Full PDB file with SEQRES, HELIX, SHEET, SSBOND, CRYST1, ORIGX, SCALE, CONECT and MASTER records, all heavy atoms in Angstrom:
SEQRES   1 A   36  TRP TRP SER VAL ALA ALA PRO LEU ALA LEU ALA LEU VAL          
SEQRES   2 A   36  VAL LEU LEU LEU GLY VAL SER LEU PRO ALA PRO LEU SER          
SEQRES   3 A   36  ARG LEU ILE SER GLU ALA ALA ALA GLN LEU                      
HELIX    1 AA1 TRP A    2  VAL A   19  1                                  18    
HELIX    2 AA2 ALA A   23  GLN A   35  1                                  13    
CRYST1    1.000    1.000    1.000  90.00  90.00  90.00 P 1           1          
ORIGX1      1.000000  0.000000  0.000000        0.00000                         
ORIGX2      0.000000  1.000000  0.000000        0.00000                         
ORIGX3      0.000000  0.000000  1.000000        0.00000                         
SCALE1      1.000000  0.000000  0.000000        0.00000                         
SCALE2      0.000000  1.000000  0.000000        0.00000                         
SCALE3      0.000000  0.000000  1.000000        0.00000                         
ATOM      1  N   TRP A   1     101.148 154.230 123.797  1.00  0.00           N  
ATOM      2  CA  TRP A   1     100.162 155.308 123.733  1.00  0.00           C  
ATOM      3  C   TRP A   1     100.664 156.471 122.896  1.00  0.00           C  
ATOM      4  O   TRP A   1      99.922 157.089 122.170  1.00  0.00           O  
ATOM      5  CB  TRP A   1      99.772 155.772 125.140  1.00  0.00           C  
ATOM      6  CG  TRP A   1     100.882 156.467 125.869  1.00  0.00           C  
ATOM      7  CD1 TRP A   1     101.796 155.903 126.684  1.00  0.00           C  
ATOM      8  CD2 TRP A   1     101.200 157.856 125.798  1.00  0.00           C  
ATOM      9  NE1 TRP A   1     102.680 156.847 127.131  1.00  0.00           N  
ATOM     10  CE2 TRP A   1     102.337 158.067 126.603  1.00  0.00           C  
ATOM     11  CE3 TRP A   1     100.651 158.949 125.128  1.00  0.00           C  
ATOM     12  CZ2 TRP A   1     102.929 159.309 126.762  1.00  0.00           C  
ATOM     13  CZ3 TRP A   1     101.250 160.181 125.295  1.00  0.00           C  
ATOM     14  CH2 TRP A   1     102.372 160.360 126.104  1.00  0.00           C  
ATOM     15  N   TRP A   2     101.968 156.754 122.970  1.00  0.00           N  
ATOM     16  CA  TRP A   2     102.516 157.892 122.241  1.00  0.00           C  
ATOM     17  C   TRP A   2     102.562 157.647 120.739  1.00  0.00           C  
ATOM     18  O   TRP A   2     102.596 158.586 119.957  1.00  0.00           O  
ATOM     19  CB  TRP A   2     103.907 158.264 122.767  1.00  0.00           C  
ATOM     20  CG  TRP A   2     104.846 157.104 122.856  1.00  0.00           C  
ATOM     21  CD1 TRP A   2     105.095 156.307 123.938  1.00  0.00           C  
ATOM     22  CD2 TRP A   2     105.641 156.564 121.798  1.00  0.00           C  
ATOM     23  NE1 TRP A   2     105.985 155.318 123.626  1.00  0.00           N  
ATOM     24  CE2 TRP A   2     106.342 155.458 122.325  1.00  0.00           C  
ATOM     25  CE3 TRP A   2     105.822 156.897 120.464  1.00  0.00           C  
ATOM     26  CZ2 TRP A   2     107.215 154.695 121.560  1.00  0.00           C  
ATOM     27  CZ3 TRP A   2     106.698 156.136 119.710  1.00  0.00           C  
ATOM     28  CH2 TRP A   2     107.384 155.054 120.259  1.00  0.00           C  
ATOM     29  N   SER A   3     102.517 156.377 120.324  1.00  0.00           N  
ATOM     30  CA  SER A   3     102.552 156.096 118.891  1.00  0.00           C  
ATOM     31  C   SER A   3     101.180 156.275 118.236  1.00  0.00           C  
ATOM     32  O   SER A   3     101.104 156.428 117.019  1.00  0.00           O  
ATOM     33  CB  SER A   3     103.088 154.695 118.618  1.00  0.00           C  
ATOM     34  OG  SER A   3     102.148 153.711 119.008  1.00  0.00           O  
ATOM     35  N   VAL A   4     100.128 156.250 119.026  1.00  0.00           N  
ATOM     36  CA  VAL A   4      98.783 156.424 118.478  1.00  0.00           C  
ATOM     37  C   VAL A   4      98.112 157.707 118.930  1.00  0.00           C  
ATOM     38  O   VAL A   4      97.084 158.085 118.389  1.00  0.00           O  
ATOM     39  CB  VAL A   4      97.885 155.205 118.803  1.00  0.00           C  
ATOM     40  CG1 VAL A   4      98.401 153.959 118.106  1.00  0.00           C  
ATOM     41  CG2 VAL A   4      97.728 154.996 120.284  1.00  0.00           C  
ATOM     42  N   ALA A   5      98.692 158.408 119.897  1.00  0.00           N  
ATOM     43  CA  ALA A   5      98.052 159.617 120.434  1.00  0.00           C  
ATOM     44  C   ALA A   5      97.933 160.717 119.383  1.00  0.00           C  
ATOM     45  O   ALA A   5      96.857 161.299 119.189  1.00  0.00           O  
ATOM     46  CB  ALA A   5      98.818 160.120 121.656  1.00  0.00           C  
ATOM     47  N   ALA A   6      99.021 161.014 118.691  1.00  0.00           N  
ATOM     48  CA  ALA A   6      98.983 162.091 117.692  1.00  0.00           C  
ATOM     49  C   ALA A   6      98.069 161.759 116.518  1.00  0.00           C  
ATOM     50  O   ALA A   6      97.223 162.599 116.147  1.00  0.00           O  
ATOM     51  CB  ALA A   6     100.398 162.420 117.210  1.00  0.00           C  
ATOM     52  N   PRO A   7      98.156 160.560 115.914  1.00  0.00           N  
ATOM     53  CA  PRO A   7      97.226 160.271 114.826  1.00  0.00           C  
ATOM     54  C   PRO A   7      95.762 160.248 115.289  1.00  0.00           C  
ATOM     55  O   PRO A   7      94.864 160.663 114.549  1.00  0.00           O  
ATOM     56  CB  PRO A   7      97.641 158.904 114.287  1.00  0.00           C  
ATOM     57  CG  PRO A   7      98.811 158.466 115.046  1.00  0.00           C  
ATOM     58  CD  PRO A   7      99.150 159.504 116.054  1.00  0.00           C  
ATOM     59  N   LEU A   8      95.517 159.801 116.506  1.00  0.00           N  
ATOM     60  CA  LEU A   8      94.151 159.786 117.036  1.00  0.00           C  
ATOM     61  C   LEU A   8      93.635 161.203 117.208  1.00  0.00           C  
ATOM     62  O   LEU A   8      92.501 161.517 116.828  1.00  0.00           O  
ATOM     63  CB  LEU A   8      94.102 159.008 118.343  1.00  0.00           C  
ATOM     64  CG  LEU A   8      92.726 158.825 118.963  1.00  0.00           C  
ATOM     65  CD1 LEU A   8      91.773 158.095 118.002  1.00  0.00           C  
ATOM     66  CD2 LEU A   8      92.838 158.050 120.270  1.00  0.00           C  
ATOM     67  N   ALA A   9      94.464 162.089 117.763  1.00  0.00           N  
ATOM     68  CA  ALA A   9      94.059 163.491 117.949  1.00  0.00           C  
ATOM     69  C   ALA A   9      93.786 164.154 116.602  1.00  0.00           C  
ATOM     70  O   ALA A   9      92.788 164.868 116.443  1.00  0.00           O  
ATOM     71  CB  ALA A   9      95.145 164.254 118.713  1.00  0.00           C  
ATOM     72  N   LEU A  10      94.644 163.909 115.623  1.00  0.00           N  
ATOM     73  CA  LEU A  10      94.443 164.506 114.301  1.00  0.00           C  
ATOM     74  C   LEU A  10      93.185 163.940 113.633  1.00  0.00           C  
ATOM     75  O   LEU A  10      92.463 164.681 112.954  1.00  0.00           O  
ATOM     76  CB  LEU A  10      95.670 164.280 113.414  1.00  0.00           C  
ATOM     77  CG  LEU A  10      96.907 165.074 113.832  1.00  0.00           C  
ATOM     78  CD1 LEU A  10      98.113 164.621 113.011  1.00  0.00           C  
ATOM     79  CD2 LEU A  10      96.689 166.559 113.705  1.00  0.00           C  
ATOM     80  N   ALA A  11      92.926 162.668 113.813  1.00  0.00           N  
ATOM     81  CA  ALA A  11      91.708 162.058 113.241  1.00  0.00           C  
ATOM     82  C   ALA A  11      90.465 162.695 113.836  1.00  0.00           C  
ATOM     83  O   ALA A  11      89.488 162.978 113.135  1.00  0.00           O  
ATOM     84  CB  ALA A  11      91.701 160.549 113.478  1.00  0.00           C  
ATOM     85  N   LEU A  12      90.500 162.971 115.147  1.00  0.00           N  
ATOM     86  CA  LEU A  12      89.361 163.625 115.792  1.00  0.00           C  
ATOM     87  C   LEU A  12      89.165 165.042 115.269  1.00  0.00           C  
ATOM     88  O   LEU A  12      88.042 165.479 115.049  1.00  0.00           O  
ATOM     89  CB  LEU A  12      89.539 163.622 117.307  1.00  0.00           C  
ATOM     90  CG  LEU A  12      89.416 162.244 117.970  1.00  0.00           C  
ATOM     91  CD1 LEU A  12      89.769 162.317 119.451  1.00  0.00           C  
ATOM     92  CD2 LEU A  12      88.025 161.670 117.773  1.00  0.00           C  
ATOM     93  N   VAL A  13      90.259 165.771 115.057  1.00  0.00           N  
ATOM     94  CA  VAL A  13      90.165 167.121 114.504  1.00  0.00           C  
ATOM     95  C   VAL A  13      89.565 167.091 113.102  1.00  0.00           C  
ATOM     96  O   VAL A  13      88.676 167.887 112.774  1.00  0.00           O  
ATOM     97  CB  VAL A  13      91.551 167.817 114.498  1.00  0.00           C  
ATOM     98  CG1 VAL A  13      91.531 169.098 113.685  1.00  0.00           C  
ATOM     99  CG2 VAL A  13      92.010 168.104 115.913  1.00  0.00           C  
ATOM    100  N   VAL A  14      90.032 166.174 112.265  1.00  0.00           N  
ATOM    101  CA  VAL A  14      89.506 166.040 110.908  1.00  0.00           C  
ATOM    102  C   VAL A  14      88.016 165.711 110.947  1.00  0.00           C  
ATOM    103  O   VAL A  14      87.218 166.280 110.210  1.00  0.00           O  
ATOM    104  CB  VAL A  14      90.282 164.964 110.110  1.00  0.00           C  
ATOM    105  CG1 VAL A  14      89.574 164.603 108.822  1.00  0.00           C  
ATOM    106  CG2 VAL A  14      91.692 165.465 109.824  1.00  0.00           C  
ATOM    107  N   LEU A  15      87.627 164.807 111.843  1.00  0.00           N  
ATOM    108  CA  LEU A  15      86.216 164.446 111.973  1.00  0.00           C  
ATOM    109  C   LEU A  15      85.379 165.644 112.410  1.00  0.00           C  
ATOM    110  O   LEU A  15      84.336 165.940 111.837  1.00  0.00           O  
ATOM    111  CB  LEU A  15      86.043 163.304 112.962  1.00  0.00           C  
ATOM    112  CG  LEU A  15      84.614 162.846 113.231  1.00  0.00           C  
ATOM    113  CD1 LEU A  15      83.994 162.277 111.967  1.00  0.00           C  
ATOM    114  CD2 LEU A  15      84.577 161.832 114.349  1.00  0.00           C  
ATOM    115  N   LEU A  16      85.863 166.362 113.414  1.00  0.00           N  
ATOM    116  CA  LEU A  16      85.132 167.527 113.908  1.00  0.00           C  
ATOM    117  C   LEU A  16      85.009 168.616 112.837  1.00  0.00           C  
ATOM    118  O   LEU A  16      83.959 169.239 112.677  1.00  0.00           O  
ATOM    119  CB  LEU A  16      85.788 168.094 115.160  1.00  0.00           C  
ATOM    120  CG  LEU A  16      85.655 167.220 116.409  1.00  0.00           C  
ATOM    121  CD1 LEU A  16      86.504 167.795 117.554  1.00  0.00           C  
ATOM    122  CD2 LEU A  16      84.211 167.075 116.823  1.00  0.00           C  
ATOM    123  N   LEU A  17      86.087 168.863 112.078  1.00  0.00           N  
ATOM    124  CA  LEU A  17      86.037 169.874 111.026  1.00  0.00           C  
ATOM    125  C   LEU A  17      85.146 169.444 109.876  1.00  0.00           C  
ATOM    126  O   LEU A  17      84.573 170.277 109.177  1.00  0.00           O  
ATOM    127  CB  LEU A  17      87.446 170.196 110.515  1.00  0.00           C  
ATOM    128  CG  LEU A  17      88.334 170.961 111.478  1.00  0.00           C  
ATOM    129  CD1 LEU A  17      89.736 171.128 110.905  1.00  0.00           C  
ATOM    130  CD2 LEU A  17      87.743 172.315 111.831  1.00  0.00           C  
ATOM    131  N   GLY A  18      85.012 168.142 109.684  1.00  0.00           N  
ATOM    132  CA  GLY A  18      84.100 167.652 108.658  1.00  0.00           C  
ATOM    133  C   GLY A  18      82.644 167.807 109.033  1.00  0.00           C  
ATOM    134  O   GLY A  18      81.782 167.969 108.189  1.00  0.00           O  
ATOM    135  N   VAL A  19      82.362 167.782 110.322  1.00  0.00           N  
ATOM    136  CA  VAL A  19      81.001 167.886 110.814  1.00  0.00           C  
ATOM    137  C   VAL A  19      80.601 169.344 111.040  1.00  0.00           C  
ATOM    138  O   VAL A  19      79.503 169.747 110.714  1.00  0.00           O  
ATOM    139  CB  VAL A  19      80.851 167.062 112.129  1.00  0.00           C  
ATOM    140  CG1 VAL A  19      79.487 167.302 112.752  1.00  0.00           C  
ATOM    141  CG2 VAL A  19      81.068 165.595 111.856  1.00  0.00           C  
ATOM    142  N   SER A  20      81.523 170.135 111.594  1.00  0.00           N  
ATOM    143  CA  SER A  20      81.193 171.520 111.923  1.00  0.00           C  
ATOM    144  C   SER A  20      82.430 172.389 111.785  1.00  0.00           C  
ATOM    145  O   SER A  20      83.444 172.142 112.438  1.00  0.00           O  
ATOM    146  CB  SER A  20      80.655 171.600 113.361  1.00  0.00           C  
ATOM    147  OG  SER A  20      80.460 172.933 113.736  1.00  0.00           O  
ATOM    148  N   LEU A  21      82.328 173.374 110.936  1.00  0.00           N  
ATOM    149  CA  LEU A  21      83.433 174.302 110.721  1.00  0.00           C  
ATOM    150  C   LEU A  21      83.262 175.499 111.658  1.00  0.00           C  
ATOM    151  O   LEU A  21      82.231 176.160 111.622  1.00  0.00           O  
ATOM    152  CB  LEU A  21      83.430 174.761 109.263  1.00  0.00           C  
ATOM    153  CG  LEU A  21      84.697 175.372 108.714  1.00  0.00           C  
ATOM    154  CD1 LEU A  21      85.865 174.412 108.823  1.00  0.00           C  
ATOM    155  CD2 LEU A  21      84.488 175.757 107.259  1.00  0.00           C  
ATOM    156  N   PRO A  22      84.255 175.784 112.523  1.00  0.00           N  
ATOM    157  CA  PRO A  22      84.143 176.923 113.427  1.00  0.00           C  
ATOM    158  C   PRO A  22      83.972 178.227 112.650  1.00  0.00           C  
ATOM    159  O   PRO A  22      84.553 178.398 111.570  1.00  0.00           O  
ATOM    160  CB  PRO A  22      85.450 176.916 114.203  1.00  0.00           C  
ATOM    161  CG  PRO A  22      86.023 175.554 114.012  1.00  0.00           C  
ATOM    162  CD  PRO A  22      85.498 175.047 112.707  1.00  0.00           C  
ATOM    163  N   ALA A  23      83.190 179.138 113.194  1.00  0.00           N  
ATOM    164  CA  ALA A  23      82.874 180.400 112.528  1.00  0.00           C  
ATOM    165  C   ALA A  23      84.132 181.185 112.099  1.00  0.00           C  
ATOM    166  O   ALA A  23      84.191 181.654 110.958  1.00  0.00           O  
ATOM    167  CB  ALA A  23      81.970 181.253 113.415  1.00  0.00           C  
ATOM    168  N   PRO A  24      85.143 181.340 112.974  1.00  0.00           N  
ATOM    169  CA  PRO A  24      86.338 182.087 112.535  1.00  0.00           C  
ATOM    170  C   PRO A  24      87.023 181.445 111.330  1.00  0.00           C  
ATOM    171  O   PRO A  24      87.471 182.142 110.412  1.00  0.00           O  
ATOM    172  CB  PRO A  24      87.254 182.072 113.753  1.00  0.00           C  
ATOM    173  CG  PRO A  24      86.355 181.831 114.911  1.00  0.00           C  
ATOM    174  CD  PRO A  24      85.242 180.977 114.394  1.00  0.00           C  
ATOM    175  N   LEU A  25      87.097 180.127 111.312  1.00  0.00           N  
ATOM    176  CA  LEU A  25      87.717 179.430 110.196  1.00  0.00           C  
ATOM    177  C   LEU A  25      86.866 179.560 108.942  1.00  0.00           C  
ATOM    178  O   LEU A  25      87.390 179.762 107.844  1.00  0.00           O  
ATOM    179  CB  LEU A  25      87.962 177.965 110.550  1.00  0.00           C  
ATOM    180  CG  LEU A  25      88.695 177.133 109.514  1.00  0.00           C  
ATOM    181  CD1 LEU A  25      90.050 177.737 109.164  1.00  0.00           C  
ATOM    182  CD2 LEU A  25      88.887 175.705 110.040  1.00  0.00           C  
ATOM    183  N   SER A  26      85.568 179.482 109.095  1.00  0.00           N  
ATOM    184  CA  SER A  26      84.660 179.656 107.967  1.00  0.00           C  
ATOM    185  C   SER A  26      84.796 181.046 107.357  1.00  0.00           C  
ATOM    186  O   SER A  26      84.827 181.202 106.132  1.00  0.00           O  
ATOM    187  CB  SER A  26      83.219 179.416 108.419  1.00  0.00           C  
ATOM    188  OG  SER A  26      82.333 179.538 107.338  1.00  0.00           O  
ATOM    189  N   ARG A  27      84.894 182.079 108.223  1.00  0.00           N  
ATOM    190  CA  ARG A  27      85.078 183.453 107.723  1.00  0.00           C  
ATOM    191  C   ARG A  27      86.393 183.581 106.977  1.00  0.00           C  
ATOM    192  O   ARG A  27      86.472 184.215 105.921  1.00  0.00           O  
ATOM    193  CB  ARG A  27      85.026 184.453 108.887  1.00  0.00           C  
ATOM    194  CG  ARG A  27      83.623 184.839 109.297  1.00  0.00           C  
ATOM    195  CD  ARG A  27      83.620 186.060 110.205  1.00  0.00           C  
ATOM    196  NE  ARG A  27      84.399 185.879 111.431  1.00  0.00           N  
ATOM    197  CZ  ARG A  27      83.957 185.260 112.527  1.00  0.00           C  
ATOM    198  NH1 ARG A  27      82.743 184.774 112.561  1.00  0.00           N  
ATOM    199  NH2 ARG A  27      84.728 185.166 113.586  1.00  0.00           N  
ATOM    200  N   LEU A  28      87.449 182.991 107.521  1.00  0.00           N  
ATOM    201  CA  LEU A  28      88.763 183.054 106.893  1.00  0.00           C  
ATOM    202  C   LEU A  28      88.725 182.400 105.513  1.00  0.00           C  
ATOM    203  O   LEU A  28      89.266 182.949 104.542  1.00  0.00           O  
ATOM    204  CB  LEU A  28      89.808 182.365 107.777  1.00  0.00           C  
ATOM    205  CG  LEU A  28      91.241 182.399 107.310  1.00  0.00           C  
ATOM    206  CD1 LEU A  28      91.760 183.824 107.265  1.00  0.00           C  
ATOM    207  CD2 LEU A  28      92.115 181.571 108.223  1.00  0.00           C  
ATOM    208  N   ILE A  29      88.080 181.250 105.398  1.00  0.00           N  
ATOM    209  CA  ILE A  29      87.973 180.567 104.109  1.00  0.00           C  
ATOM    210  C   ILE A  29      87.162 181.417 103.127  1.00  0.00           C  
ATOM    211  O   ILE A  29      87.507 181.532 101.956  1.00  0.00           O  
ATOM    212  CB  ILE A  29      87.366 179.164 104.299  1.00  0.00           C  
ATOM    213  CG1 ILE A  29      88.367 178.273 105.039  1.00  0.00           C  
ATOM    214  CG2 ILE A  29      86.981 178.536 102.960  1.00  0.00           C  
ATOM    215  CD1 ILE A  29      87.810 176.947 105.485  1.00  0.00           C  
ATOM    216  N   SER A  30      86.066 181.997 103.628  1.00  0.00           N  
ATOM    217  CA  SER A  30      85.230 182.852 102.760  1.00  0.00           C  
ATOM    218  C   SER A  30      86.015 184.059 102.252  1.00  0.00           C  
ATOM    219  O   SER A  30      85.899 184.441 101.088  1.00  0.00           O  
ATOM    220  CB  SER A  30      83.984 183.313 103.511  1.00  0.00           C  
ATOM    221  OG  SER A  30      83.148 182.221 103.786  1.00  0.00           O  
ATOM    222  N   GLU A  31      86.796 184.678 103.136  1.00  0.00           N  
ATOM    223  CA  GLU A  31      87.616 185.826 102.726  1.00  0.00           C  
ATOM    224  C   GLU A  31      88.657 185.417 101.702  1.00  0.00           C  
ATOM    225  O   GLU A  31      88.906 186.145 100.723  1.00  0.00           O  
ATOM    226  CB  GLU A  31      88.277 186.452 103.951  1.00  0.00           C  
ATOM    227  CG  GLU A  31      87.315 187.174 104.875  1.00  0.00           C  
ATOM    228  CD  GLU A  31      87.957 187.618 106.182  1.00  0.00           C  
ATOM    229  OE1 GLU A  31      89.224 187.603 106.263  1.00  0.00           O  
ATOM    230  OE2 GLU A  31      87.204 187.959 107.105  1.00  0.00           O  
ATOM    231  N   ALA A  32      89.273 184.271 101.894  1.00  0.00           N  
ATOM    232  CA  ALA A  32      90.278 183.788 100.941  1.00  0.00           C  
ATOM    233  C   ALA A  32      89.614 183.508  99.589  1.00  0.00           C  
ATOM    234  O   ALA A  32      90.170 183.851  98.535  1.00  0.00           O  
ATOM    235  CB  ALA A  32      90.968 182.534 101.474  1.00  0.00           C  
ATOM    236  N   ALA A  33      88.427 182.891  99.620  1.00  0.00           N  
ATOM    237  CA  ALA A  33      87.705 182.617  98.370  1.00  0.00           C  
ATOM    238  C   ALA A  33      87.331 183.921  97.667  1.00  0.00           C  
ATOM    239  O   ALA A  33      87.427 184.017  96.441  1.00  0.00           O  
ATOM    240  CB  ALA A  33      86.462 181.786  98.670  1.00  0.00           C  
ATOM    241  N   ALA A  34      86.925 184.924  98.435  1.00  0.00           N  
ATOM    242  CA  ALA A  34      86.551 186.221  97.840  1.00  0.00           C  
ATOM    243  C   ALA A  34      87.768 186.869  97.179  1.00  0.00           C  
ATOM    244  O   ALA A  34      87.673 187.450  96.113  1.00  0.00           O  
ATOM    245  CB  ALA A  34      85.967 187.141  98.890  1.00  0.00           C  
ATOM    246  N   GLN A  35      88.924 186.738  97.815  1.00  0.00           N  
ATOM    247  CA  GLN A  35      90.157 187.286  97.244  1.00  0.00           C  
ATOM    248  C   GLN A  35      90.519 186.597  95.941  1.00  0.00           C  
ATOM    249  O   GLN A  35      91.077 187.219  95.034  1.00  0.00           O  
ATOM    250  CB  GLN A  35      91.333 187.126  98.223  1.00  0.00           C  
ATOM    251  CG  GLN A  35      91.232 188.025  99.438  1.00  0.00           C  
ATOM    252  CD  GLN A  35      91.406 189.472  99.090  1.00  0.00           C  
ATOM    253  OE1 GLN A  35      92.200 189.842  98.219  1.00  0.00           O  
ATOM    254  NE2 GLN A  35      90.630 190.334  99.749  1.00  0.00           N  
ATOM    255  N   LEU A  36      90.160 185.338  95.821  1.00  0.00           N  
ATOM    256  CA  LEU A  36      90.433 184.571  94.594  1.00  0.00           C  
ATOM    257  C   LEU A  36      89.332 184.743  93.555  1.00  0.00           C  
ATOM    258  O   LEU A  36      89.438 184.236  92.456  1.00  0.00           O  
ATOM    259  CB  LEU A  36      90.593 183.084  94.923  1.00  0.00           C  
ATOM    260  CG  LEU A  36      91.815 182.736  95.773  1.00  0.00           C  
ATOM    261  CD1 LEU A  36      91.753 181.277  96.207  1.00  0.00           C  
ATOM    262  CD2 LEU A  36      93.111 183.009  95.004  1.00  0.00           C  
TER     263      LEU A  36                                                      
MASTER        0    0    0    2    0    0    0    6  262    1    0    3          
END                                                                             
């Protein structure tokens, strides 16, 4: 279980971020883009 737990958790995070970006993270990305 320990050999697949971390990759499975990271895969779920990647999937969730691909479907819906949390507002604080979206603001942070927008601010970084504005700075650039």
